[in-house]
Amino acid sequence: MIKIKSFGSGSNGNSYLIDDGQTQLMIECGISLKKVQQAMRFNFSKVAGCLISHEHRDHCKYVSQFIDSTSIDFYSTQGTFEGMSEDQMLHIQANDYYRFNFLKYKDTKKIGTWYVTPFETEHDVKEPCGFLIDNSAGDRLVFITDSYYVRYKFPNVTHMMIEANYSKEIIDQDMTEGFDLKRKSRLLESHFDFDRTLDFIKTNKSNRLQEIWLLHLSDSNSIEKQFKEETQRLTGVPVYIA
């Protein structure tokens, strides 16, 4: 059975841990090493790797800290690595290249006890991806963040970690009160709104579904209680807000 932990989720930083009792995987590296160390009780011995979905800082800004202080290897698309390397604020060095393993869309890679299949997402970066993650016990987790659309359907999903960034009703209301047009356009073109989140869940819900984690809620443009209650009514499984 998969256990999920959130170290932080949102525009200030994202990082998560999944654990199947044998090995662990980190997903994203946007939370400081110190905070993650404390949550992990300084024990990274079971961490098989860290997946990075794309190069925006709230998902990867502490990679260099983890490279300097742990033995964790990182997994991303080549485009994501290039995007991180080009961002001088991230301090990714040329000699850090050996700590990265490059993922290709729809090409499954075994990492510890996990089988990770990256897939295309839609975001304003070089080569973003979501992750379909299986293990030998038959668990199947789908992870999606920072995308306005996902073209795939995933059968037999047991766990969902999916973005529910904003409510379109709130955005439309703010629009009448002088909301920044550029900001609105970027939201619509790069993030899941809650209606899309529900559509994805409906399309991919199976009788094997065990739990859902809603990720990356906007502080000002989401309604946590409503999102959780509506998702629970739709699925009948436990729903957690990361």
Protein backbone atom coordinates (compact mmCIF):
# COMPACT_ATOMS: atom_id res chain seq x y z
CA MET A 1 0.00 0.00 0.00
CA ILE A 2 1.30 3.44 -0.92
CA LYS A 3 1.72 6.06 1.79
CA ILE A 4 1.90 9.69 0.66
CA LYS A 5 3.48 12.61 2.51
CA SER A 6 3.42 16.26 1.47
CA PHE A 7 6.34 18.48 2.53
CA GLY A 8 4.69 21.49 0.89
CA SER A 9 2.42 22.31 -2.03
CA GLY A 10 1.72 25.60 -3.78
CA SER A 11 3.46 28.52 -5.43
CA ASN A 12 5.93 28.82 -2.52
CA GLY A 13 7.25 25.31 -3.03
CA ASN A 14 6.29 21.72 -3.81
CA SER A 15 7.69 18.42 -2.61
CA TYR A 16 6.15 15.04 -1.84
CA LEU A 17 7.17 11.54 -0.77
CA ILE A 18 5.62 8.21 -1.70
CA ASP A 19 6.47 5.03 0.20
CA ASP A 20 5.46 1.45 -0.60
CA GLY A 21 7.12 -0.02 2.49
CA GLN A 22 10.24 -1.04 0.57
CA THR A 23 11.53 2.06 -1.16
CA GLN A 24 10.56 5.70 -1.30
CA LEU A 25 10.38 8.24 -4.10
CA MET A 26 10.47 11.99 -3.72
CA ILE A 27 8.48 13.98 -6.27
CA GLU A 28 9.61 17.58 -6.79
CA CYS A 29 12.30 19.42 -4.88
CA GLY A 30 10.86 22.85 -4.12
CA ILE A 31 11.05 22.62 -0.31
CA SER A 32 14.26 23.30 1.61
CA LEU A 33 16.56 20.46 2.61
CA LYS A 34 16.29 21.46 6.27
CA LYS A 35 12.49 21.16 6.31
CA VAL A 36 12.52 17.85 4.45
CA GLN A 37 15.27 16.48 6.69
CA GLN A 38 13.18 17.23 9.76
CA ALA A 39 10.07 15.61 8.25
CA MET A 40 12.16 12.56 7.27
CA ARG A 41 13.90 12.42 10.66
CA PHE A 42 17.16 12.75 8.74
CA ASN A 43 16.75 9.28 7.22
CA PHE A 44 17.01 9.15 3.42
CA SER A 45 18.22 5.55 3.28
CA LYS A 46 15.08 4.27 1.54
CA VAL A 47 14.81 7.11 -1.00
CA ALA A 48 15.47 5.60 -4.45
CA GLY A 49 15.32 8.91 -6.32
CA CYS A 50 13.61 12.25 -6.84
CA LEU A 51 11.38 13.02 -9.82
CA ILE A 52 11.20 16.59 -11.19
CA SER A 53 8.20 17.47 -13.37
CA HIS A 54 9.52 20.77 -14.81
CA GLU A 55 12.00 23.58 -14.23
CA HIS A 56 9.94 26.25 -12.46
CA ARG A 57 11.61 27.12 -9.17
CA ASP A 58 8.72 26.16 -6.92
CA HIS A 59 9.31 22.56 -8.11
CA CYS A 60 13.10 22.36 -8.15
CA LYS A 61 14.78 25.31 -6.42
CA TYR A 62 16.50 23.17 -3.75
CA VAL A 63 18.00 20.54 -6.06
CA SER A 64 21.53 21.86 -5.48
CA GLN A 65 21.10 21.57 -1.68
CA PHE A 66 20.10 17.91 -2.04
CA ILE A 67 22.95 17.21 -4.46
CA ASP A 68 25.44 18.68 -1.97
CA SER A 69 24.05 16.96 1.14
CA THR A 70 22.49 13.63 0.08
CA SER A 71 23.21 10.76 -2.33
CA ILE A 72 19.78 10.99 -4.00
CA ASP A 73 19.72 10.75 -7.79
CA PHE A 74 17.32 12.89 -9.83
CA TYR A 75 15.04 12.01 -12.71
CA SER A 76 13.66 14.49 -15.24
CA THR A 77 13.30 14.99 -18.96
CA GLN A 78 16.35 16.39 -20.71
CA GLY A 79 14.39 19.56 -21.46
CA THR A 80 13.69 20.06 -17.75
CA PHE A 81 17.37 19.59 -16.89
CA GLU A 82 18.34 22.11 -19.56
CA GLY A 83 15.77 24.57 -18.23
CA MET A 84 17.14 24.21 -14.70
CA SER A 85 20.73 24.58 -15.91
CA GLU A 86 19.86 27.82 -17.72
CA ASP A 87 18.37 29.34 -14.55
CA GLN A 88 21.36 30.82 -12.73
CA MET A 89 19.36 31.17 -9.51
CA LEU A 90 19.14 27.36 -9.21
CA HIS A 91 22.95 26.92 -9.09
CA ILE A 92 22.90 23.68 -11.09
CA GLN A 93 26.52 23.05 -12.09
CA ALA A 94 27.84 21.25 -15.14
CA ASN A 95 29.37 18.57 -12.93
CA ASP A 96 25.93 17.86 -11.43
CA TYR A 97 24.98 16.25 -14.75
CA TYR A 98 25.97 12.78 -13.49
CA ARG A 99 23.33 12.93 -10.74
CA PHE A 100 20.53 13.19 -13.32
CA ASN A 101 18.83 10.40 -15.21
CA PHE A 102 16.84 11.49 -18.23
CA LEU A 103 13.28 10.33 -18.76
CA LYS A 104 11.51 10.03 -22.09
CA TYR A 105 7.77 10.27 -22.59
CA LYS A 106 6.04 6.87 -22.37
CA ASP A 107 9.34 5.09 -21.63
CA THR A 108 9.11 3.24 -18.30
CA LYS A 109 12.11 3.36 -15.96
CA LYS A 110 12.54 1.18 -12.86
CA ILE A 111 13.59 3.19 -9.80
CA GLY A 112 13.91 1.06 -6.68
CA THR A 113 10.65 -0.89 -6.44
CA TRP A 114 8.82 1.65 -8.62
CA TYR A 115 8.09 1.68 -12.34
CA VAL A 116 7.87 5.29 -13.50
CA THR A 117 6.34 6.24 -16.85
CA PRO A 118 6.49 9.95 -17.72
CA PHE A 119 3.85 11.46 -20.00
CA GLU A 120 3.32 14.82 -21.66
CA THR A 121 1.62 17.65 -19.82
CA GLU A 122 0.80 21.16 -21.06
CA HIS A 123 2.70 23.97 -19.35
CA ASP A 124 4.79 27.00 -20.35
CA VAL A 125 8.17 25.25 -20.01
CA LYS A 126 10.52 23.16 -22.18
CA GLU A 127 9.56 19.51 -21.66
CA PRO A 128 7.15 19.09 -18.70
CA CYS A 129 5.75 15.76 -17.64
CA GLY A 130 3.42 13.98 -15.29
CA PHE A 131 4.17 10.56 -13.85
CA LEU A 132 2.36 7.22 -13.90
CA ILE A 133 3.94 5.22 -11.08
CA ASP A 134 3.41 1.49 -10.51
CA ASN A 135 4.85 -0.96 -8.03
CA SER A 136 5.05 -4.74 -7.79
CA ALA A 137 2.17 -4.85 -5.29
CA GLY A 138 -0.25 -3.64 -7.96
CA ASP A 139 -0.57 -0.07 -6.75
CA ARG A 140 -0.83 2.59 -9.46
CA LEU A 141 -0.40 6.30 -8.78
CA VAL A 142 -0.88 9.13 -11.25
CA PHE A 143 0.80 12.49 -10.54
CA ILE A 144 -0.16 15.66 -12.43
CA THR A 145 0.70 19.24 -11.60
CA ASP A 146 1.03 22.51 -13.55
CA SER A 147 -0.89 21.51 -16.64
CA TYR A 148 -4.05 22.85 -18.23
CA TYR A 149 -4.80 19.61 -20.10
CA VAL A 150 -3.92 15.90 -20.06
CA ARG A 151 -4.66 13.89 -23.18
CA TYR A 152 -4.34 10.42 -21.64
CA LYS A 153 -6.64 8.07 -19.76
CA PHE A 154 -5.12 5.82 -17.10
CA PRO A 155 -6.78 2.50 -16.17
CA ASN A 156 -6.74 0.88 -12.72
CA VAL A 157 -5.47 3.91 -10.80
CA THR A 158 -5.34 3.37 -7.03
CA HIS A 159 -3.96 6.78 -6.01
CA MET A 160 -4.27 10.22 -7.61
CA MET A 161 -2.10 13.23 -6.90
CA ILE A 162 -3.59 15.96 -9.04
CA GLU A 163 -3.49 19.72 -9.25
CA ALA A 164 -6.60 21.74 -8.33
CA ASN A 165 -5.07 25.17 -8.67
CA TYR A 166 -8.00 27.55 -8.89
CA SER A 167 -11.73 28.05 -9.22
CA LYS A 168 -12.77 29.60 -12.52
CA GLU A 169 -15.70 31.25 -10.71
CA ILE A 170 -13.26 33.14 -8.48
CA ILE A 171 -11.09 34.15 -11.44
CA ASP A 172 -14.12 35.39 -13.39
CA GLN A 173 -15.34 37.36 -10.38
CA ASP A 174 -11.88 38.91 -9.85
CA MET A 175 -11.81 39.76 -13.53
CA THR A 176 -14.67 42.20 -12.98
CA GLU A 177 -12.66 43.82 -10.20
CA GLY A 178 -9.53 44.64 -12.18
CA PHE A 179 -7.80 41.25 -12.14
CA ASP A 180 -4.51 41.23 -14.06
CA LEU A 181 -5.29 40.06 -17.62
CA LYS A 182 -1.84 38.57 -18.12
CA ARG A 183 -2.07 36.66 -14.88
CA LYS A 184 -5.49 35.31 -15.81
CA SER A 185 -4.27 34.24 -19.24
CA ARG A 186 -1.30 32.39 -17.73
CA LEU A 187 -3.52 30.58 -15.24
CA LEU A 188 -5.91 29.43 -17.96
CA GLU A 189 -3.04 28.28 -20.17
CA SER A 190 -0.83 26.52 -17.64
CA HIS A 191 -2.81 25.15 -14.67
CA PHE A 192 -5.73 22.83 -13.91
CA ASP A 193 -8.80 24.63 -12.67
CA PHE A 194 -11.06 22.63 -10.36
CA ASP A 195 -13.59 21.78 -13.09
CA ARG A 196 -10.80 20.18 -15.14
CA THR A 197 -9.62 18.36 -12.03
CA LEU A 198 -13.07 16.85 -11.55
CA ASP A 199 -13.29 15.95 -15.24
CA PHE A 200 -9.97 14.14 -15.03
CA ILE A 201 -11.05 12.27 -11.90
CA LYS A 202 -14.35 11.22 -13.50
CA THR A 203 -12.55 9.95 -16.60
CA ASN A 204 -9.93 8.00 -14.65
CA LYS A 205 -11.91 6.84 -11.61
CA SER A 206 -11.95 3.06 -11.21
CA ASN A 207 -13.26 0.69 -8.55
CA ARG A 208 -9.64 0.29 -7.40
CA LEU A 209 -9.29 3.97 -6.42
CA GLN A 210 -8.22 4.31 -2.77
CA GLU A 211 -7.43 7.98 -2.20
CA ILE A 212 -6.91 11.36 -3.84
CA TRP A 213 -4.52 14.19 -3.01
CA LEU A 214 -5.38 17.64 -4.38
CA LEU A 215 -2.18 19.60 -5.09
CA HIS A 216 -0.98 23.14 -5.65
CA LEU A 217 -4.12 25.01 -4.52
CA SER A 218 -3.81 28.75 -5.02
CA ASP A 219 -3.97 30.71 -1.75
CA SER A 220 -6.28 33.34 -3.19
CA ASN A 221 -8.13 31.56 -6.02
CA SER A 222 -9.21 28.22 -4.54
CA ILE A 223 -11.75 27.08 -1.94
CA GLU A 224 -10.21 24.21 -0.01
CA LYS A 225 -13.34 23.02 1.81
CA GLN A 226 -15.45 23.04 -1.36
CA PHE A 227 -12.79 21.28 -3.44
CA LYS A 228 -12.42 18.52 -0.85
CA GLU A 229 -16.14 17.98 -0.31
CA GLU A 230 -17.02 17.91 -4.02
CA THR A 231 -14.21 15.46 -4.76
CA GLN A 232 -15.31 13.18 -1.92
CA ARG A 233 -18.92 13.23 -3.15
CA LEU A 234 -17.77 12.32 -6.63
CA THR A 235 -15.47 9.46 -5.64
CA GLY A 236 -16.47 8.17 -2.21
CA VAL A 237 -12.80 7.82 -1.21
CA PRO A 238 -10.66 9.82 1.22
CA VAL A 239 -9.47 13.16 -0.19
CA TYR A 240 -6.50 15.07 1.19
CA ILE A 241 -5.36 18.64 0.54
CA ALA A 242 -1.57 18.79 0.15
